[in-house]
Amino acid sequence: MDNKKTYIITTAEPWDLESPDGKNIIRGIILSIVNSYLLVFKANYLLNFEGVSGDILILSPRLKDENFENIATKEIDVNGGLFLDNYNKNFEESKLKENCKFFLIGTLGS
């Protein structure tokens, strides 16, 4: 995986998300694919949601048939949460899930 490749999340919820990239757009890179059902995404800027801010998102496929195995070549519908702690690449899946606040539904693509 090319860690420098920029990916885009197009948000459906919140429907009124504004970012430096425009309405309903979040650009960033994939820091880590934890497994085929969980990845760590770093936005290019801080996101603010309900008084919480950060740039690390924990993403999972929205549909049970989806996974991140071919993320470089297809779009995936995702659920996303804002990570509420200082990210460490050695965190296990449970730590990532326990320390995030769900806030977005969207599509991840390149």
Protein backbone atom coordinates (compact mmCIF):
# COMPACT_ATOMS: atom_id res chain seq x y z
CA MET A 1 0.00 0.00 0.00
CA ASP A 2 1.20 3.49 -0.89
CA ASN A 3 1.07 5.42 2.40
CA LYS A 4 1.42 8.73 0.58
CA LYS A 5 -1.64 8.22 -1.61
CA THR A 6 -4.45 10.62 -0.84
CA TYR A 7 -7.89 9.16 -0.28
CA ILE A 8 -11.21 10.97 -0.12
CA ILE A 9 -14.15 10.37 2.17
CA THR A 10 -17.39 11.74 0.74
CA THR A 11 -19.76 12.10 3.66
CA ALA A 12 -23.49 11.39 3.60
CA GLU A 13 -23.82 12.03 7.34
CA PRO A 14 -23.31 14.57 8.66
CA TRP A 15 -24.93 15.95 5.52
CA ASP A 16 -23.67 19.49 6.22
CA LEU A 17 -20.00 18.74 6.91
CA GLU A 18 -17.69 21.56 5.84
CA SER A 19 -13.94 21.06 5.47
CA PRO A 20 -11.06 22.97 3.85
CA ASP A 21 -11.66 20.71 0.81
CA GLY A 22 -15.32 21.66 0.50
CA LYS A 23 -18.75 20.44 1.44
CA ASN A 24 -18.90 16.76 2.49
CA ILE A 25 -15.26 16.06 1.52
CA ILE A 26 -12.46 14.84 3.80
CA ARG A 27 -9.04 14.23 2.27
CA GLY A 28 -6.24 12.31 3.94
CA ILE A 29 -4.13 9.18 3.97
CA ILE A 30 -4.55 5.66 5.27
CA LEU A 31 -2.16 5.21 8.20
CA SER A 32 -2.90 1.55 8.78
CA ILE A 33 -5.14 -1.24 7.60
CA VAL A 34 -5.62 -3.07 10.90
CA ASN A 35 -7.51 -5.89 9.20
CA SER A 36 -9.90 -6.22 6.26
CA TYR A 37 -12.68 -4.66 8.37
CA LEU A 38 -10.89 -1.82 10.15
CA LEU A 39 -8.55 0.93 9.03
CA VAL A 40 -7.01 4.09 10.45
CA PHE A 41 -7.38 7.24 8.35
CA LYS A 42 -5.57 10.54 8.99
CA ALA A 43 -7.33 13.63 7.68
CA ASN A 44 -5.23 16.48 6.29
CA TYR A 45 -6.70 18.80 8.94
CA LEU A 46 -8.53 18.77 12.25
CA LEU A 47 -12.18 17.81 12.12
CA ASN A 48 -14.62 19.18 14.67
CA PHE A 49 -17.73 17.28 15.61
CA GLU A 50 -20.00 18.02 18.55
CA GLY A 51 -17.24 19.79 20.47
CA VAL A 52 -14.64 17.08 19.83
CA SER A 53 -11.77 17.57 17.40
CA GLY A 54 -9.09 15.39 15.88
CA ASP A 55 -7.62 14.18 12.62
CA ILE A 56 -7.61 10.40 13.14
CA LEU A 57 -10.65 8.45 11.95
CA ILE A 58 -11.38 4.78 12.58
CA LEU A 59 -13.26 3.40 9.58
CA SER A 60 -15.14 0.16 9.06
CA PRO A 61 -17.20 -1.07 6.09
CA ARG A 62 -20.85 -0.08 6.32
CA LEU A 63 -22.11 -3.18 4.57
CA LYS A 64 -21.40 -6.68 5.85
CA ASP A 65 -20.30 -7.90 2.39
CA GLU A 66 -17.64 -5.17 2.07
CA ASN A 67 -14.01 -5.14 3.22
CA PHE A 68 -10.83 -3.15 2.67
CA GLU A 69 -8.89 -5.83 0.77
CA ASN A 70 -8.99 -3.95 -2.56
CA ILE A 71 -9.25 -0.40 -1.24
CA ALA A 72 -6.79 0.94 -3.82
CA THR A 73 -9.11 -0.02 -6.69
CA LYS A 74 -12.67 0.48 -5.43
CA GLU A 75 -14.89 2.69 -3.31
CA ILE A 76 -16.20 1.39 0.03
CA ASP A 77 -19.19 2.64 2.01
CA VAL A 78 -17.92 3.29 5.55
CA ASN A 79 -18.91 4.10 9.09
CA GLY A 80 -16.41 6.37 10.79
CA GLY A 81 -15.49 7.47 14.25
CA LEU A 82 -13.21 10.22 15.48
CA PHE A 83 -10.36 8.76 17.55
CA LEU A 84 -10.35 10.44 20.98
CA ASP A 85 -6.86 9.53 22.18
CA ASN A 86 -3.29 10.03 20.94
CA TYR A 87 -2.89 7.50 18.14
CA ASN A 88 -0.17 4.87 18.34
CA LYS A 89 0.41 2.49 15.42
CA ASN A 90 0.75 -0.40 17.90
CA PHE A 91 -2.79 -0.07 19.26
CA GLU A 92 -4.90 -3.19 18.97
CA GLU A 93 -8.33 -3.23 17.34
CA SER A 94 -10.15 -3.14 20.71
CA LYS A 95 -8.28 0.03 21.80
CA LEU A 96 -9.08 1.74 18.51
CA LYS A 97 -12.79 0.89 18.73
CA GLU A 98 -13.15 1.74 22.42
CA ASN A 99 -11.62 5.20 22.02
CA CYS A 100 -13.59 6.59 19.13
CA LYS A 101 -16.86 8.46 18.76
CA PHE A 102 -19.03 7.48 15.80
CA PHE A 103 -19.91 10.47 13.67
CA LEU A 104 -19.89 9.79 9.96
CA ILE A 105 -21.32 7.69 7.19
CA GLY A 106 -19.73 8.06 3.81
CA THR A 107 -17.78 6.56 0.93
CA LEU A 108 -14.00 6.07 0.94
CA GLY A 109 -12.26 6.16 -2.42
CA SER A 110 -9.14 7.40 -4.15
